[in-house]
Amino acid sequence: MAKQDKTAVGLGYAKLHGGAEGAPTVVAKGYNDLAEEIIALAKEHDILVHEDPDLADFLQRLEVGDEIPEALYVIIAELIAFATWLDLKA
C-alpha cells in the first residue's frame, strides 16, 4: 500500500448496543474511495472518527468480524471512553 492511500477501519462494540459482552470487533474496513465512504458514514451518524495511521494499519490486518487483539484493549477503551465523554458533553 502506498503512503498516500487512505485507509479506514470501523469498530463495533456490541455491549454499547445491548449485545453480548466481548471485545470490539472490526465491522468495516477499506482503502481509498471505500475508506472515504466509511469515514463519511461514521461522521453522518455522529460516530467518533479517530485518525491514527499506525492503529489503522494494524487493524487493517484483521478481517471483518474479528475481535481486536488484547494488546489493543487499552487504546480502544480510551477511545470508547472519550467518545462517551463527548456524547455526555453534547
N, C-alpha and C. Protein backbone atom coordinates (compact mmCIF):
# COMPACT_ATOMS: atom_id res chain seq x y z
N MET A 1 0.85 -1.19 0.00
CA MET A 1 0.00 0.00 0.00
C MET A 1 0.88 1.23 0.00
N ALA A 2 0.63 2.17 -0.89
CA ALA A 2 1.39 3.41 -0.94
C ALA A 2 1.01 4.32 0.22
N LYS A 3 1.96 5.17 0.61
CA LYS A 3 1.75 6.05 1.77
C LYS A 3 0.54 6.96 1.60
N GLN A 4 0.26 7.43 0.38
CA GLN A 4 -0.85 8.36 0.18
C GLN A 4 -2.22 7.69 0.18
N ASP A 5 -2.26 6.36 0.18
CA ASP A 5 -3.55 5.67 0.20
C ASP A 5 -4.28 5.95 1.51
N LYS A 6 -5.57 6.22 1.39
CA LYS A 6 -6.43 6.45 2.56
C LYS A 6 -6.89 5.10 3.07
N THR A 7 -6.90 4.93 4.37
CA THR A 7 -7.36 3.67 4.96
C THR A 7 -8.33 3.98 6.09
N ALA A 8 -9.31 3.11 6.29
CA ALA A 8 -10.27 3.28 7.38
C ALA A 8 -10.67 1.91 7.90
N VAL A 9 -10.86 1.85 9.21
CA VAL A 9 -11.34 0.63 9.86
C VAL A 9 -12.43 1.04 10.84
N GLY A 10 -13.59 0.42 10.71
CA GLY A 10 -14.70 0.69 11.63
C GLY A 10 -14.78 -0.41 12.67
N LEU A 11 -14.91 0.00 13.93
CA LEU A 11 -15.05 -0.95 15.03
C LEU A 11 -16.45 -0.86 15.61
N GLY A 12 -16.97 -1.96 16.05
CA GLY A 12 -18.25 -2.01 16.73
C GLY A 12 -18.08 -2.65 18.09
N TYR A 13 -18.92 -2.25 19.01
CA TYR A 13 -18.85 -2.79 20.36
C TYR A 13 -20.26 -3.16 20.77
N ALA A 14 -20.57 -4.45 20.75
CA ALA A 14 -21.93 -4.93 20.96
C ALA A 14 -22.51 -4.51 22.30
N LYS A 15 -21.69 -4.44 23.35
CA LYS A 15 -22.19 -4.09 24.67
C LYS A 15 -22.84 -2.70 24.67
N LEU A 16 -22.34 -1.80 23.85
CA LEU A 16 -22.93 -0.47 23.78
C LEU A 16 -24.34 -0.51 23.20
N HIS A 17 -24.65 -1.55 22.46
CA HIS A 17 -25.94 -1.65 21.79
C HIS A 17 -26.79 -2.79 22.34
N GLY A 18 -26.50 -3.21 23.57
CA GLY A 18 -27.30 -4.23 24.21
C GLY A 18 -26.95 -5.66 23.80
N GLY A 19 -25.84 -5.82 23.09
CA GLY A 19 -25.44 -7.16 22.65
C GLY A 19 -24.62 -7.88 23.71
N ALA A 20 -24.09 -9.00 23.34
CA ALA A 20 -23.27 -9.80 24.25
C ALA A 20 -21.96 -9.07 24.55
N GLU A 21 -21.43 -9.36 25.73
CA GLU A 21 -20.15 -8.77 26.09
C GLU A 21 -19.05 -9.38 25.24
N GLY A 22 -17.99 -8.66 25.10
CA GLY A 22 -16.84 -9.14 24.33
C GLY A 22 -16.02 -7.95 23.88
N ALA A 23 -14.97 -8.25 23.18
CA ALA A 23 -14.09 -7.19 22.68
C ALA A 23 -14.74 -6.51 21.47
N PRO A 24 -14.36 -5.26 21.21
CA PRO A 24 -14.82 -4.62 19.97
C PRO A 24 -14.39 -5.45 18.76
N THR A 25 -15.19 -5.39 17.72
CA THR A 25 -14.89 -6.15 16.51
C THR A 25 -14.79 -5.22 15.31
N VAL A 26 -14.09 -5.68 14.31
CA VAL A 26 -13.98 -4.95 13.05
C VAL A 26 -15.31 -5.13 12.30
N VAL A 27 -15.96 -4.02 11.99
CA VAL A 27 -17.25 -4.08 11.29
C VAL A 27 -17.14 -3.59 9.85
N ALA A 28 -16.06 -2.88 9.53
CA ALA A 28 -15.85 -2.40 8.17
C ALA A 28 -14.39 -2.04 8.01
N LYS A 29 -13.88 -2.18 6.79
CA LYS A 29 -12.53 -1.72 6.51
C LYS A 29 -12.40 -1.51 5.02
N GLY A 30 -11.53 -0.58 4.65
CA GLY A 30 -11.33 -0.33 3.24
C GLY A 30 -10.25 0.69 2.99
N TYR A 31 -9.90 0.82 1.73
CA TYR A 31 -8.88 1.76 1.27
C TYR A 31 -9.49 2.77 0.30
N ASN A 32 -8.86 3.92 0.20
CA ASN A 32 -9.17 4.95 -0.79
C ASN A 32 -10.65 5.33 -0.80
N ASP A 33 -11.36 5.09 -1.91
CA ASP A 33 -12.77 5.51 -2.00
C ASP A 33 -13.64 4.84 -0.95
N LEU A 34 -13.42 3.55 -0.70
CA LEU A 34 -14.19 2.86 0.32
C LEU A 34 -13.89 3.43 1.70
N ALA A 35 -12.63 3.76 1.96
CA ALA A 35 -12.26 4.38 3.22
C ALA A 35 -12.99 5.72 3.40
N GLU A 36 -13.05 6.49 2.34
CA GLU A 36 -13.76 7.78 2.39
C GLU A 36 -15.24 7.56 2.70
N GLU A 37 -15.85 6.52 2.13
CA GLU A 37 -17.26 6.22 2.40
C GLU A 37 -17.47 5.81 3.85
N ILE A 38 -16.56 4.99 4.37
CA ILE A 38 -16.65 4.56 5.77
C ILE A 38 -16.58 5.77 6.69
N ILE A 39 -15.63 6.66 6.42
CA ILE A 39 -15.46 7.86 7.25
C ILE A 39 -16.69 8.77 7.14
N ALA A 40 -17.18 8.96 5.93
CA ALA A 40 -18.37 9.82 5.73
C ALA A 40 -19.58 9.26 6.46
N LEU A 41 -19.79 7.95 6.38
CA LEU A 41 -20.92 7.33 7.08
C LEU A 41 -20.78 7.47 8.59
N ALA A 42 -19.57 7.29 9.08
CA ALA A 42 -19.34 7.44 10.52
C ALA A 42 -19.69 8.86 10.97
N LYS A 43 -19.19 9.84 10.23
CA LYS A 43 -19.48 11.24 10.59
C LYS A 43 -20.97 11.55 10.48
N GLU A 44 -21.61 11.00 9.45
CA GLU A 44 -23.04 11.22 9.24
C GLU A 44 -23.85 10.70 10.43
N HIS A 45 -23.37 9.65 11.07
CA HIS A 45 -24.07 9.04 12.20
C HIS A 45 -23.45 9.41 13.55
N ASP A 46 -22.68 10.51 13.55
CA ASP A 46 -22.06 11.03 14.77
C ASP A 46 -21.22 9.98 15.50
N ILE A 47 -20.49 9.19 14.74
CA ILE A 47 -19.57 8.21 15.29
C ILE A 47 -18.19 8.82 15.30
N LEU A 48 -17.49 8.67 16.41
CA LEU A 48 -16.15 9.23 16.54
C LEU A 48 -15.24 8.71 15.42
N VAL A 49 -14.56 9.63 14.75
CA VAL A 49 -13.55 9.28 13.76
C VAL A 49 -12.21 9.69 14.36
N HIS A 50 -11.38 8.70 14.59
CA HIS A 50 -10.06 8.92 15.19
C HIS A 50 -9.00 8.63 14.14
N GLU A 51 -8.14 9.61 13.89
CA GLU A 51 -7.11 9.44 12.87
C GLU A 51 -5.81 9.01 13.52
N ASP A 52 -5.41 7.79 13.25
CA ASP A 52 -4.15 7.24 13.75
C ASP A 52 -3.67 6.23 12.71
N PRO A 53 -2.80 6.67 11.81
CA PRO A 53 -2.36 5.79 10.72
C PRO A 53 -1.75 4.47 11.20
N ASP A 54 -1.00 4.50 12.28
CA ASP A 54 -0.39 3.26 12.77
C ASP A 54 -1.45 2.29 13.29
N LEU A 55 -2.42 2.80 14.03
CA LEU A 55 -3.50 1.95 14.54
C LEU A 55 -4.33 1.40 13.38
N ALA A 56 -4.66 2.26 12.42
CA ALA A 56 -5.44 1.81 11.26
C ALA A 56 -4.69 0.75 10.47
N ASP A 57 -3.38 0.94 10.30
CA ASP A 57 -2.57 -0.04 9.58
C ASP A 57 -2.60 -1.39 10.29
N PHE A 58 -2.50 -1.37 11.62
CA PHE A 58 -2.54 -2.61 12.40
C PHE A 58 -3.91 -3.27 12.28
N LEU A 59 -4.98 -2.47 12.42
CA LEU A 59 -6.34 -3.01 12.36
C LEU A 59 -6.70 -3.54 10.97
N GLN A 60 -6.09 -2.99 9.93
CA GLN A 60 -6.35 -3.46 8.57
C GLN A 60 -5.94 -4.92 8.39
N ARG A 61 -5.06 -5.41 9.23
CA ARG A 61 -4.61 -6.81 9.15
C ARG A 61 -5.69 -7.79 9.64
N LEU A 62 -6.67 -7.27 10.36
CA LEU A 62 -7.76 -8.11 10.86
C LEU A 62 -8.84 -8.23 9.79
N GLU A 63 -9.66 -9.26 9.90
CA GLU A 63 -10.78 -9.46 8.99
C GLU A 63 -12.06 -8.89 9.61
N VAL A 64 -13.01 -8.50 8.78
CA VAL A 64 -14.31 -8.05 9.28
C VAL A 64 -14.90 -9.19 10.12
N GLY A 65 -15.34 -8.86 11.33
CA GLY A 65 -15.88 -9.85 12.25
C GLY A 65 -14.88 -10.27 13.32
N ASP A 66 -13.60 -10.00 13.10
CA ASP A 66 -12.57 -10.34 14.09
C ASP A 66 -12.64 -9.39 15.28
N GLU A 67 -12.44 -9.95 16.48
CA GLU A 67 -12.28 -9.10 17.67
C GLU A 67 -10.90 -8.49 17.65
N ILE A 68 -10.79 -7.31 18.25
CA ILE A 68 -9.47 -6.69 18.34
C ILE A 68 -8.60 -7.55 19.27
N PRO A 69 -7.28 -7.56 19.04
CA PRO A 69 -6.40 -8.32 19.93
C PRO A 69 -6.28 -7.65 21.30
N GLU A 70 -5.98 -8.46 22.29
CA GLU A 70 -5.86 -7.96 23.66
C GLU A 70 -4.86 -6.82 23.78
N ALA A 71 -3.85 -6.82 22.95
CA ALA A 71 -2.83 -5.76 23.00
C ALA A 71 -3.42 -4.37 22.74
N LEU A 72 -4.59 -4.31 22.10
CA LEU A 72 -5.21 -3.02 21.77
C LEU A 72 -6.32 -2.62 22.74
N TYR A 73 -6.61 -3.45 23.73
CA TYR A 73 -7.72 -3.16 24.64
C TYR A 73 -7.62 -1.77 25.27
N VAL A 74 -6.44 -1.40 25.76
CA VAL A 74 -6.32 -0.13 26.47
C VAL A 74 -6.57 1.05 25.54
N ILE A 75 -5.95 1.07 24.38
CA ILE A 75 -6.13 2.22 23.47
C ILE A 75 -7.57 2.31 22.99
N ILE A 76 -8.19 1.18 22.67
CA ILE A 76 -9.58 1.20 22.20
C ILE A 76 -10.52 1.59 23.35
N ALA A 77 -10.24 1.12 24.56
CA ALA A 77 -11.05 1.51 25.72
C ALA A 77 -10.97 3.01 25.95
N GLU A 78 -9.78 3.58 25.76
CA GLU A 78 -9.63 5.04 25.91
C GLU A 78 -10.44 5.78 24.86
N LEU A 79 -10.46 5.26 23.64
CA LEU A 79 -11.24 5.90 22.58
C LEU A 79 -12.74 5.79 22.85
N ILE A 80 -13.18 4.64 23.35
CA ILE A 80 -14.59 4.47 23.70
C ILE A 80 -14.97 5.42 24.84
N ALA A 81 -14.10 5.53 25.84
CA ALA A 81 -14.35 6.44 26.96
C ALA A 81 -14.42 7.88 26.47
N PHE A 82 -13.53 8.26 25.56
CA PHE A 82 -13.52 9.60 25.02
C PHE A 82 -14.80 9.88 24.24
N ALA A 83 -15.23 8.91 23.41
CA ALA A 83 -16.46 9.08 22.63
C ALA A 83 -17.66 9.22 23.57
N THR A 84 -17.69 8.43 24.64
CA THR A 84 -18.78 8.51 25.61
C THR A 84 -18.78 9.87 26.30
N TRP A 85 -17.60 10.36 26.65
CA TRP A 85 -17.49 11.68 27.29
C TRP A 85 -18.00 12.77 26.35
N LEU A 86 -17.65 12.67 25.06
CA LEU A 86 -18.14 13.65 24.08
C LEU A 86 -19.66 13.61 23.97
N ASP A 87 -20.24 12.40 23.99
CA ASP A 87 -21.69 12.27 23.94
C ASP A 87 -22.36 12.92 25.15
N LEU A 88 -21.77 12.70 26.31
CA LEU A 88 -22.34 13.28 27.54
C LEU A 88 -22.23 14.80 27.55
N LYS A 89 -21.17 15.32 26.98
CA LYS A 89 -20.99 16.77 26.90
C LYS A 89 -21.99 17.41 25.95
N ALA A 90 -22.38 16.68 24.92
CA ALA A 90 -23.28 17.22 23.91
C ALA A 90 -24.67 17.21 24.43
